[in-house]
Amino acid sequence: MTTTITPMSRYDRRIELVKNTLRENSKLNEKDATALAAHVLHAMDHIAETVR
């Protein structure tokens, strides 16, 4: 038996984490949650490290 491993970038893992959190706490569908997750991460990435 062989297992196929699909590599995920750190960015993709972060998107999945935020998307899953959004879906668990709202009624967003997967497509909308993924789009919103990308916007959330973009905003978070532009906050200065000292502020985070």
Protein backbone atom coordinates (compact mmCIF):
# COMPACT_ATOMS: atom_id res chain seq x y z
CA MET A 1 0.00 0.00 0.00
CA THR A 2 1.36 3.41 -0.94
CA THR A 3 0.42 6.76 0.48
CA THR A 4 0.39 9.87 -1.64
CA ILE A 5 1.63 12.93 0.19
CA THR A 6 0.51 16.28 -1.15
CA PRO A 7 2.91 18.99 -0.06
CA MET A 8 1.36 22.22 1.24
CA SER A 9 3.16 25.52 1.51
CA ARG A 10 3.09 27.42 4.80
CA TYR A 11 0.78 29.94 3.15
CA ASP A 12 -1.66 27.19 2.13
CA ARG A 13 -1.62 25.81 5.67
CA ARG A 14 -2.38 29.28 7.05
CA ILE A 15 -5.23 29.71 4.55
CA GLU A 16 -6.68 26.34 5.62
CA LEU A 17 -6.46 27.27 9.30
CA VAL A 18 -8.22 30.61 8.83
CA LYS A 19 -10.77 29.14 6.40
CA ASN A 20 -11.68 26.35 8.81
CA THR A 21 -11.99 28.81 11.69
CA LEU A 22 -14.26 31.04 9.62
CA ARG A 23 -16.45 28.10 8.56
CA GLU A 24 -16.77 26.80 12.12
CA ASN A 25 -17.92 30.17 13.39
CA SER A 26 -20.13 31.35 10.54
CA LYS A 27 -22.40 30.15 7.78
CA LEU A 28 -19.89 30.84 5.00
CA ASN A 29 -19.49 28.27 2.25
CA GLU A 30 -16.02 26.96 1.40
CA LYS A 31 -15.44 29.27 -1.57
CA ASP A 32 -16.38 32.42 0.36
CA ALA A 33 -14.45 31.34 3.47
CA THR A 34 -11.33 30.71 1.36
CA ALA A 35 -11.60 34.14 -0.28
CA LEU A 36 -12.11 35.85 3.07
CA ALA A 37 -9.21 33.89 4.59
CA ALA A 38 -6.90 35.23 1.87
CA HIS A 39 -8.00 38.80 2.69
CA VAL A 40 -7.52 38.22 6.42
CA LEU A 41 -4.00 36.84 5.93
CA HIS A 42 -3.10 39.68 3.58
CA ALA A 43 -4.18 42.21 6.21
CA MET A 44 -2.38 40.37 9.00
CA ASP A 45 0.82 40.15 6.96
CA HIS A 46 0.84 43.93 6.60
CA ILE A 47 0.58 44.66 10.33
CA ALA A 48 3.96 45.65 11.72
CA GLU A 49 5.60 42.87 13.76
CA THR A 50 5.87 45.14 16.80
CA VAL A 51 2.11 45.71 16.74
CA ARG A 52 1.23 42.02 16.44
